[in-house]
Amino acid sequence: MKITVCCVGKIKESYLKAAIDEYSKRLSRYCKLEILEVADEKTSEKSTEAEDALIRDKEGERLLKKIDESAYVIALAIDGESLSSEGLADRLDKLTVGGESHLVFVIGGSIGLSEEVLKRADMKLSFSKMTFPHQLMRVILLEQIYRSFRIINGEPYHK
């Protein structure tokens, strides 16, 4: 199983880098993990919706270039499907059993994902109705993927 996390922006904070490294190491026994970053666009707090859409489109083009055509794409989106940890584990297990060998999770930038990326997605997944910093979302996603593999394999995990 190959899992790619395709995301907008670089991680600058050392504590987030350390957490990402830790979960990447833990996941290495379950899958081949790849983290791909694309450049983010500068955003202004005073930008219009049209300017925001243009930014999402530019970032979206960069993301789409990184996504393998044969991959099963899961876009993180606030309006996506909400699953429990067990539900995510079950979904990942069913995808694998069903023949999917490459999953791509897509995390947008600070103003979300473009319509084109959302259209490309095979599934939209929501972690909450709350908004999280996209850098922190990378850590949360990796932790949940790790937890999913522990559940799938019948291994203990913190509840």
N, C-alpha and C. Protein backbone atom coordinates (compact mmCIF):
# COMPACT_ATOMS: atom_id res chain seq x y z
N MET A 1 0.85 -1.18 0.00
CA MET A 1 0.00 0.00 0.00
C MET A 1 0.89 1.24 0.00
N LYS A 2 0.56 2.15 -0.89
CA LYS A 2 1.25 3.44 -0.93
C LYS A 2 0.26 4.52 -0.52
N ILE A 3 0.69 5.38 0.37
CA ILE A 3 -0.12 6.52 0.79
C ILE A 3 0.68 7.79 0.51
N THR A 4 0.04 8.70 -0.20
CA THR A 4 0.65 9.99 -0.49
C THR A 4 -0.19 11.06 0.20
N VAL A 5 0.47 11.96 0.88
CA VAL A 5 -0.19 13.14 1.44
C VAL A 5 0.30 14.30 0.59
N CYS A 6 -0.62 14.88 -0.14
CA CYS A 6 -0.30 15.98 -1.05
C CYS A 6 -0.87 17.26 -0.44
N CYS A 7 -0.02 18.22 -0.15
CA CYS A 7 -0.48 19.37 0.61
C CYS A 7 0.13 20.68 0.12
N VAL A 8 -0.57 21.73 0.46
CA VAL A 8 -0.14 23.08 0.09
C VAL A 8 0.71 23.65 1.23
N GLY A 9 1.87 24.18 0.88
CA GLY A 9 2.72 24.87 1.84
C GLY A 9 3.74 23.97 2.52
N LYS A 10 4.71 24.62 3.10
CA LYS A 10 5.78 23.94 3.82
C LYS A 10 5.54 24.07 5.31
N ILE A 11 6.05 23.11 6.05
CA ILE A 11 5.97 23.16 7.51
C ILE A 11 7.20 23.92 8.01
N LYS A 12 6.96 24.97 8.77
CA LYS A 12 8.07 25.78 9.30
C LYS A 12 8.33 25.48 10.77
N GLU A 13 7.30 25.13 11.51
CA GLU A 13 7.43 24.93 12.95
C GLU A 13 8.10 23.61 13.26
N SER A 14 9.13 23.65 14.10
CA SER A 14 9.91 22.44 14.39
C SER A 14 9.08 21.40 15.14
N TYR A 15 8.16 21.83 15.99
CA TYR A 15 7.36 20.86 16.73
C TYR A 15 6.41 20.10 15.81
N LEU A 16 5.92 20.74 14.75
CA LEU A 16 5.08 20.04 13.78
C LEU A 16 5.93 19.10 12.93
N LYS A 17 7.13 19.55 12.55
CA LYS A 17 8.04 18.69 11.79
C LYS A 17 8.37 17.43 12.58
N ALA A 18 8.61 17.59 13.89
CA ALA A 18 8.94 16.45 14.74
C ALA A 18 7.77 15.46 14.80
N ALA A 19 6.57 15.96 14.93
CA ALA A 19 5.39 15.08 14.97
C ALA A 19 5.20 14.37 13.64
N ILE A 20 5.37 15.08 12.54
CA ILE A 20 5.25 14.48 11.21
C ILE A 20 6.30 13.39 11.02
N ASP A 21 7.51 13.68 11.44
CA ASP A 21 8.59 12.68 11.34
C ASP A 21 8.27 11.44 12.17
N GLU A 22 7.74 11.64 13.36
CA GLU A 22 7.41 10.51 14.24
C GLU A 22 6.33 9.63 13.61
N TYR A 23 5.26 10.23 13.13
CA TYR A 23 4.19 9.43 12.53
C TYR A 23 4.64 8.81 11.20
N SER A 24 5.49 9.49 10.47
CA SER A 24 6.04 8.92 9.23
C SER A 24 6.83 7.66 9.55
N LYS A 25 7.64 7.72 10.61
CA LYS A 25 8.42 6.57 11.03
C LYS A 25 7.51 5.42 11.46
N ARG A 26 6.49 5.72 12.25
CA ARG A 26 5.55 4.69 12.71
C ARG A 26 4.80 4.05 11.54
N LEU A 27 4.44 4.86 10.56
CA LEU A 27 3.68 4.36 9.42
C LEU A 27 4.53 3.49 8.49
N SER A 28 5.84 3.62 8.55
CA SER A 28 6.72 2.91 7.63
C SER A 28 6.57 1.39 7.73
N ARG A 29 6.08 0.88 8.84
CA ARG A 29 5.89 -0.58 8.95
C ARG A 29 4.58 -1.04 8.31
N TYR A 30 3.71 -0.10 7.95
CA TYR A 30 2.42 -0.44 7.38
C TYR A 30 2.27 -0.07 5.91
N CYS A 31 2.97 0.96 5.48
CA CYS A 31 2.78 1.44 4.11
C CYS A 31 4.01 2.21 3.65
N LYS A 32 4.03 2.49 2.36
CA LYS A 32 5.05 3.38 1.81
C LYS A 32 4.41 4.77 1.82
N LEU A 33 4.93 5.65 2.66
CA LEU A 33 4.37 6.99 2.81
C LEU A 33 5.21 8.00 2.04
N GLU A 34 4.50 8.88 1.35
CA GLU A 34 5.15 9.96 0.61
C GLU A 34 4.40 11.24 0.95
N ILE A 35 5.14 12.30 1.28
CA ILE A 35 4.53 13.60 1.53
C ILE A 35 5.03 14.55 0.44
N LEU A 36 4.09 15.09 -0.32
CA LEU A 36 4.41 16.02 -1.40
C LEU A 36 3.87 17.40 -1.05
N GLU A 37 4.69 18.39 -1.18
CA GLU A 37 4.28 19.76 -0.90
C GLU A 37 4.30 20.58 -2.18
N VAL A 38 3.31 21.44 -2.32
CA VAL A 38 3.31 22.41 -3.42
C VAL A 38 3.32 23.81 -2.81
N ALA A 39 3.82 24.75 -3.57
CA ALA A 39 3.92 26.12 -3.08
C ALA A 39 2.55 26.71 -2.82
N ASP A 40 2.48 27.51 -1.76
CA ASP A 40 1.22 28.21 -1.47
C ASP A 40 1.31 29.63 -2.03
N GLU A 41 0.15 30.20 -2.25
CA GLU A 41 0.05 31.56 -2.74
C GLU A 41 -0.12 32.51 -1.56
N LYS A 42 0.37 33.70 -1.71
CA LYS A 42 0.16 34.71 -0.67
C LYS A 42 -1.32 35.08 -0.65
N THR A 43 -1.86 35.14 0.56
CA THR A 43 -3.27 35.52 0.70
C THR A 43 -3.36 36.76 1.58
N SER A 44 -4.39 37.53 1.33
CA SER A 44 -4.62 38.74 2.10
C SER A 44 -5.93 38.58 2.87
N GLU A 45 -5.96 39.10 4.06
CA GLU A 45 -7.19 39.04 4.84
C GLU A 45 -8.30 39.89 4.21
N LYS A 46 -7.92 40.79 3.32
CA LYS A 46 -8.90 41.67 2.67
C LYS A 46 -9.23 41.21 1.25
N SER A 47 -8.83 40.00 0.89
CA SER A 47 -9.07 39.53 -0.47
C SER A 47 -10.56 39.27 -0.70
N THR A 48 -10.95 39.41 -1.95
CA THR A 48 -12.34 39.15 -2.33
C THR A 48 -12.51 37.65 -2.59
N GLU A 49 -13.74 37.20 -2.70
CA GLU A 49 -13.99 35.79 -3.00
C GLU A 49 -13.40 35.43 -4.37
N ALA A 50 -13.45 36.36 -5.32
CA ALA A 50 -12.87 36.11 -6.65
C ALA A 50 -11.36 35.92 -6.55
N GLU A 51 -10.70 36.74 -5.73
CA GLU A 51 -9.25 36.60 -5.54
C GLU A 51 -8.93 35.28 -4.84
N ASP A 52 -9.74 34.92 -3.85
CA ASP A 52 -9.54 33.65 -3.16
C ASP A 52 -9.71 32.47 -4.12
N ALA A 53 -10.71 32.55 -5.00
CA ALA A 53 -10.93 31.48 -5.97
C ALA A 53 -9.74 31.33 -6.91
N LEU A 54 -9.17 32.45 -7.31
CA LEU A 54 -7.99 32.43 -8.18
C LEU A 54 -6.81 31.77 -7.47
N ILE A 55 -6.64 32.08 -6.19
CA ILE A 55 -5.57 31.47 -5.40
C ILE A 55 -5.79 29.97 -5.28
N ARG A 56 -7.03 29.56 -4.95
CA ARG A 56 -7.34 28.13 -4.84
C ARG A 56 -7.08 27.42 -6.17
N ASP A 57 -7.42 28.09 -7.28
CA ASP A 57 -7.20 27.49 -8.60
C ASP A 57 -5.71 27.29 -8.88
N LYS A 58 -4.89 28.27 -8.55
CA LYS A 58 -3.44 28.16 -8.78
C LYS A 58 -2.86 27.03 -7.93
N GLU A 59 -3.24 26.99 -6.65
CA GLU A 59 -2.75 25.93 -5.77
C GLU A 59 -3.28 24.58 -6.24
N GLY A 60 -4.54 24.56 -6.68
CA GLY A 60 -5.17 23.34 -7.17
C GLY A 60 -4.47 22.76 -8.38
N GLU A 61 -4.06 23.62 -9.31
CA GLU A 61 -3.31 23.16 -10.48
C GLU A 61 -2.03 22.47 -10.06
N ARG A 62 -1.34 23.05 -9.09
CA ARG A 62 -0.10 22.45 -8.59
C ARG A 62 -0.37 21.09 -7.95
N LEU A 63 -1.44 21.01 -7.16
CA LEU A 63 -1.79 19.75 -6.51
C LEU A 63 -2.12 18.67 -7.54
N LEU A 64 -2.95 19.02 -8.52
CA LEU A 64 -3.39 18.05 -9.52
C LEU A 64 -2.22 17.48 -10.31
N LYS A 65 -1.18 18.28 -10.54
CA LYS A 65 0.01 17.80 -11.25
C LYS A 65 0.74 16.72 -10.47
N LYS A 66 0.58 16.71 -9.16
CA LYS A 66 1.27 15.76 -8.29
C LYS A 66 0.49 14.45 -8.08
N ILE A 67 -0.78 14.44 -8.49
CA ILE A 67 -1.64 13.29 -8.19
C ILE A 67 -1.60 12.29 -9.34
N ASP A 68 -1.24 11.07 -9.02
CA ASP A 68 -1.20 9.96 -9.96
C ASP A 68 -2.63 9.68 -10.46
N GLU A 69 -2.77 9.53 -11.77
CA GLU A 69 -4.11 9.33 -12.35
C GLU A 69 -4.81 8.09 -11.82
N SER A 70 -4.06 7.06 -11.46
CA SER A 70 -4.67 5.81 -11.02
C SER A 70 -4.95 5.78 -9.52
N ALA A 71 -4.56 6.81 -8.81
CA ALA A 71 -4.72 6.84 -7.35
C ALA A 71 -6.16 7.10 -6.95
N TYR A 72 -6.51 6.60 -5.79
CA TYR A 72 -7.80 6.91 -5.16
C TYR A 72 -7.56 8.16 -4.32
N VAL A 73 -8.30 9.22 -4.60
CA VAL A 73 -8.04 10.52 -3.99
C VAL A 73 -9.07 10.84 -2.91
N ILE A 74 -8.56 11.20 -1.74
CA ILE A 74 -9.40 11.60 -0.61
C ILE A 74 -9.05 13.05 -0.27
N ALA A 75 -9.97 13.96 -0.54
CA ALA A 75 -9.74 15.38 -0.27
C ALA A 75 -10.27 15.71 1.12
N LEU A 76 -9.46 16.40 1.90
CA LEU A 76 -9.92 16.86 3.20
C LEU A 76 -10.72 18.14 2.99
N ALA A 77 -11.98 18.08 3.37
CA ALA A 77 -12.89 19.20 3.13
C ALA A 77 -13.89 19.28 4.27
N ILE A 78 -14.15 20.48 4.72
CA ILE A 78 -15.04 20.68 5.88
C ILE A 78 -16.43 20.12 5.63
N ASP A 79 -16.87 20.07 4.36
CA ASP A 79 -18.20 19.55 4.05
C ASP A 79 -18.16 18.08 3.62
N GLY A 80 -17.04 17.41 3.88
CA GLY A 80 -16.91 16.01 3.52
C GLY A 80 -17.60 15.09 4.52
N GLU A 81 -17.45 13.81 4.27
CA GLU A 81 -18.02 12.78 5.14
C GLU A 81 -17.26 12.73 6.46
N SER A 82 -17.98 12.66 7.55
CA SER A 82 -17.39 12.55 8.88
C SER A 82 -17.36 11.09 9.29
N LEU A 83 -16.21 10.61 9.72
CA LEU A 83 -16.07 9.22 10.15
C LEU A 83 -15.43 9.18 11.52
N SER A 84 -15.72 8.13 12.28
CA SER A 84 -14.99 7.86 13.51
C SER A 84 -13.64 7.27 13.11
N SER A 85 -12.75 7.10 14.07
CA SER A 85 -11.46 6.46 13.78
C SER A 85 -11.68 5.04 13.27
N GLU A 86 -12.63 4.32 13.89
CA GLU A 86 -12.94 2.97 13.44
C GLU A 86 -13.55 2.99 12.04
N GLY A 87 -14.36 4.00 11.77
CA GLY A 87 -14.96 4.15 10.45
C GLY A 87 -13.92 4.40 9.37
N LEU A 88 -12.93 5.24 9.68
CA LEU A 88 -11.85 5.50 8.73
C LEU A 88 -11.05 4.23 8.50
N ALA A 89 -10.75 3.50 9.57
CA ALA A 89 -10.01 2.24 9.44
C ALA A 89 -10.77 1.28 8.54
N ASP A 90 -12.07 1.16 8.76
CA ASP A 90 -12.90 0.27 7.95
C ASP A 90 -12.88 0.70 6.49
N ARG A 91 -12.99 2.00 6.24
CA ARG A 91 -12.99 2.50 4.86
C ARG A 91 -11.64 2.20 4.18
N LEU A 92 -10.54 2.46 4.88
CA LEU A 92 -9.22 2.20 4.30
C LEU A 92 -9.04 0.71 4.03
N ASP A 93 -9.50 -0.12 4.97
CA ASP A 93 -9.40 -1.56 4.80
C ASP A 93 -10.20 -2.02 3.58
N LYS A 94 -11.42 -1.51 3.43
CA LYS A 94 -12.26 -1.89 2.29
C LYS A 94 -11.65 -1.42 0.96
N LEU A 95 -11.05 -0.24 0.96
CA LEU A 95 -10.40 0.24 -0.26
C LEU A 95 -9.25 -0.67 -0.65
N THR A 96 -8.46 -1.08 0.34
CA THR A 96 -7.32 -1.95 0.08
C THR A 96 -7.79 -3.32 -0.42
N VAL A 97 -8.75 -3.90 0.29
CA VAL A 97 -9.29 -5.20 -0.11
C VAL A 97 -9.93 -5.11 -1.50
N GLY A 98 -10.51 -3.95 -1.79
CA GLY A 98 -11.15 -3.73 -3.08
C GLY A 98 -10.18 -3.47 -4.23
N GLY A 99 -8.88 -3.48 -3.93
CA GLY A 99 -7.88 -3.36 -4.99
C GLY A 99 -7.17 -2.02 -5.11
N GLU A 100 -7.54 -1.07 -4.27
CA GLU A 100 -6.84 0.22 -4.32
C GLU A 100 -5.46 0.06 -3.69
N SER A 101 -4.42 0.38 -4.42
CA SER A 101 -3.06 0.22 -3.88
C SER A 101 -2.37 1.56 -3.63
N HIS A 102 -2.99 2.65 -4.07
CA HIS A 102 -2.39 3.98 -3.88
C HIS A 102 -3.49 4.95 -3.47
N LEU A 103 -3.40 5.42 -2.24
CA LEU A 103 -4.34 6.42 -1.74
C LEU A 103 -3.61 7.76 -1.64
N VAL A 104 -4.28 8.81 -2.11
CA VAL A 104 -3.73 10.16 -2.01
C VAL A 104 -4.69 11.00 -1.17
N PHE A 105 -4.17 11.52 -0.06
CA PHE A 105 -4.93 12.46 0.77
C PHE A 105 -4.48 13.85 0.38
N VAL A 106 -5.44 14.75 0.16
CA VAL A 106 -5.11 16.10 -0.29
C VAL A 106 -5.54 17.11 0.78
N ILE A 107 -4.58 17.93 1.19
CA ILE A 107 -4.84 18.99 2.17
C ILE A 107 -4.60 20.33 1.47
N GLY A 108 -5.62 21.16 1.46
CA GLY A 108 -5.52 22.47 0.81
C GLY A 108 -4.76 23.48 1.66
N GLY A 109 -4.64 24.67 1.14
CA GLY A 109 -3.99 25.75 1.85
C GLY A 109 -4.95 26.43 2.82
N SER A 110 -4.59 27.62 3.23
CA SER A 110 -5.36 28.32 4.27
C SER A 110 -6.78 28.69 3.84
N ILE A 111 -7.04 28.70 2.53
CA ILE A 111 -8.41 29.03 2.09
C ILE A 111 -9.08 27.86 1.37
N GLY A 112 -8.53 26.68 1.56
CA GLY A 112 -9.20 25.48 1.07
C GLY A 112 -8.74 24.99 -0.28
N LEU A 113 -9.54 24.10 -0.84
CA LEU A 113 -9.23 23.43 -2.11
C LEU A 113 -10.05 23.99 -3.26
N SER A 114 -9.49 23.92 -4.45
CA SER A 114 -10.20 24.38 -5.65
C SER A 114 -11.30 23.40 -6.02
N GLU A 115 -12.24 23.88 -6.81
CA GLU A 115 -13.32 23.03 -7.30
C GLU A 115 -12.78 21.88 -8.13
N GLU A 116 -11.73 22.13 -8.89
CA GLU A 116 -11.15 21.08 -9.74
C GLU A 116 -10.57 19.95 -8.89
N VAL A 117 -9.92 20.28 -7.80
CA VAL A 117 -9.38 19.24 -6.91
C VAL A 117 -10.53 18.46 -6.28
N LEU A 118 -11.56 19.17 -5.84
CA LEU A 118 -12.71 18.50 -5.23
C LEU A 118 -13.43 17.60 -6.24
N LYS A 119 -13.46 18.01 -7.51
CA LYS A 119 -14.07 17.17 -8.55
C LYS A 119 -13.24 15.91 -8.80
N ARG A 120 -11.93 16.05 -8.69
CA ARG A 120 -11.03 14.91 -8.92
C ARG A 120 -11.11 13.88 -7.78
N ALA A 121 -11.50 14.34 -6.62
CA ALA A 121 -11.53 13.47 -5.44
C ALA A 121 -12.57 12.36 -5.58
N ASP A 122 -12.18 11.18 -5.14
CA ASP A 122 -13.10 10.06 -5.09
C ASP A 122 -13.93 10.10 -3.81
N MET A 123 -13.41 10.81 -2.83
CA MET A 123 -14.08 10.94 -1.53
C MET A 123 -13.67 12.26 -0.91
N LYS A 124 -14.61 12.89 -0.22
CA LYS A 124 -14.29 14.07 0.59
C LYS A 124 -14.44 13.66 2.05
N LEU A 125 -13.42 13.96 2.83
CA LEU A 125 -13.38 13.56 4.23
C LEU A 125 -13.28 14.79 5.11
N SER A 126 -14.13 14.85 6.13
CA SER A 126 -14.10 15.95 7.08
C SER A 126 -13.67 15.43 8.44
N PHE A 127 -12.75 16.12 9.06
CA PHE A 127 -12.33 15.76 10.41
C PHE A 127 -13.15 16.50 11.46
N SER A 128 -13.82 17.57 11.05
CA SER A 128 -14.62 18.35 11.98
C SER A 128 -15.27 19.50 11.22
N LYS A 129 -16.29 20.08 11.81
CA LYS A 129 -16.86 21.31 11.27
C LYS A 129 -15.98 22.50 11.62
N MET A 130 -15.05 22.27 12.55
CA MET A 130 -14.12 23.33 12.94
C MET A 130 -13.05 23.51 11.86
N THR A 131 -12.41 24.65 11.88
CA THR A 131 -11.31 24.93 10.98
C THR A 131 -10.00 24.71 11.73
N PHE A 132 -9.08 23.97 11.10
CA PHE A 132 -7.76 23.74 11.68
C PHE A 132 -6.71 24.34 10.76
N PRO A 133 -5.58 24.79 11.32
CA PRO A 133 -4.49 25.23 10.44
C PRO A 133 -4.06 24.06 9.55
N HIS A 134 -3.83 24.33 8.27
CA HIS A 134 -3.51 23.24 7.35
C HIS A 134 -2.21 22.53 7.73
N GLN A 135 -1.28 23.24 8.39
CA GLN A 135 -0.05 22.60 8.82
C GLN A 135 -0.33 21.58 9.93
N LEU A 136 -1.18 21.93 10.87
CA LEU A 136 -1.55 21.02 11.96
C LEU A 136 -2.38 19.85 11.42
N MET A 137 -3.17 20.09 10.40
CA MET A 137 -4.00 19.04 9.83
C MET A 137 -3.15 17.89 9.31
N ARG A 138 -1.96 18.20 8.86
CA ARG A 138 -1.06 17.15 8.37
C ARG A 138 -0.73 16.16 9.49
N VAL A 139 -0.47 16.69 10.68
CA VAL A 139 -0.17 15.83 11.84
C VAL A 139 -1.41 15.02 12.22
N ILE A 140 -2.55 15.67 12.29
CA ILE A 140 -3.79 14.98 12.66
C ILE A 140 -4.10 13.86 11.67
N LEU A 141 -3.94 14.14 10.38
CA LEU A 141 -4.19 13.13 9.36
C LEU A 141 -3.25 11.93 9.53
N LEU A 142 -1.97 12.19 9.68
CA LEU A 142 -1.00 11.09 9.82
C LEU A 142 -1.30 10.25 11.05
N GLU A 143 -1.69 10.91 12.14
CA GLU A 143 -2.03 10.17 13.36
C GLU A 143 -3.23 9.27 13.10
N GLN A 144 -4.24 9.76 12.40
CA GLN A 144 -5.43 8.97 12.14
C GLN A 144 -5.16 7.82 11.16
N ILE A 145 -4.28 8.04 10.20
CA ILE A 145 -3.91 6.94 9.30
C ILE A 145 -3.17 5.87 10.10
N TYR A 146 -2.25 6.29 10.96
CA TYR A 146 -1.53 5.35 11.82
C TYR A 146 -2.51 4.58 12.70
N ARG A 147 -3.42 5.29 13.33
CA ARG A 147 -4.43 4.66 14.18
C ARG A 147 -5.25 3.65 13.36
N SER A 148 -5.59 4.01 12.13
CA SER A 148 -6.36 3.11 11.26
C SER A 148 -5.62 1.81 11.04
N PHE A 149 -4.33 1.88 10.74
CA PHE A 149 -3.56 0.67 10.52
C PHE A 149 -3.49 -0.18 11.79
N ARG A 150 -3.39 0.46 12.95
CA ARG A 150 -3.38 -0.28 14.21
C ARG A 150 -4.72 -1.01 14.39
N ILE A 151 -5.81 -0.33 14.10
CA ILE A 151 -7.14 -0.94 14.22
C ILE A 151 -7.28 -2.10 13.23
N ILE A 152 -6.91 -1.86 11.98
CA ILE A 152 -7.03 -2.89 10.92
C ILE A 152 -6.27 -4.14 11.33
N ASN A 153 -5.10 -3.97 11.94
CA ASN A 153 -4.25 -5.09 12.30
C ASN A 153 -4.55 -5.67 13.69
N GLY A 154 -5.60 -5.18 14.33
CA GLY A 154 -5.98 -5.68 15.63
C GLY A 154 -4.98 -5.37 16.73
N GLU A 155 -4.22 -4.32 16.53
CA GLU A 155 -3.20 -3.92 17.51
C GLU A 155 -3.79 -2.88 18.47
N PRO A 156 -3.28 -2.82 19.68
CA PRO A 156 -3.83 -1.86 20.63
C PRO A 156 -3.57 -0.41 20.19
N TYR A 157 -4.48 0.45 20.52
CA TYR A 157 -4.33 1.86 20.24
C TYR A 157 -5.02 2.65 21.36
N HIS A 158 -4.59 3.85 21.57
CA HIS A 158 -5.14 4.67 22.64
C HIS A 158 -6.53 5.13 22.27
N LYS A 159 -7.49 4.93 23.17
CA LYS A 159 -8.87 5.32 22.87
C LYS A 159 -9.21 6.65 23.45
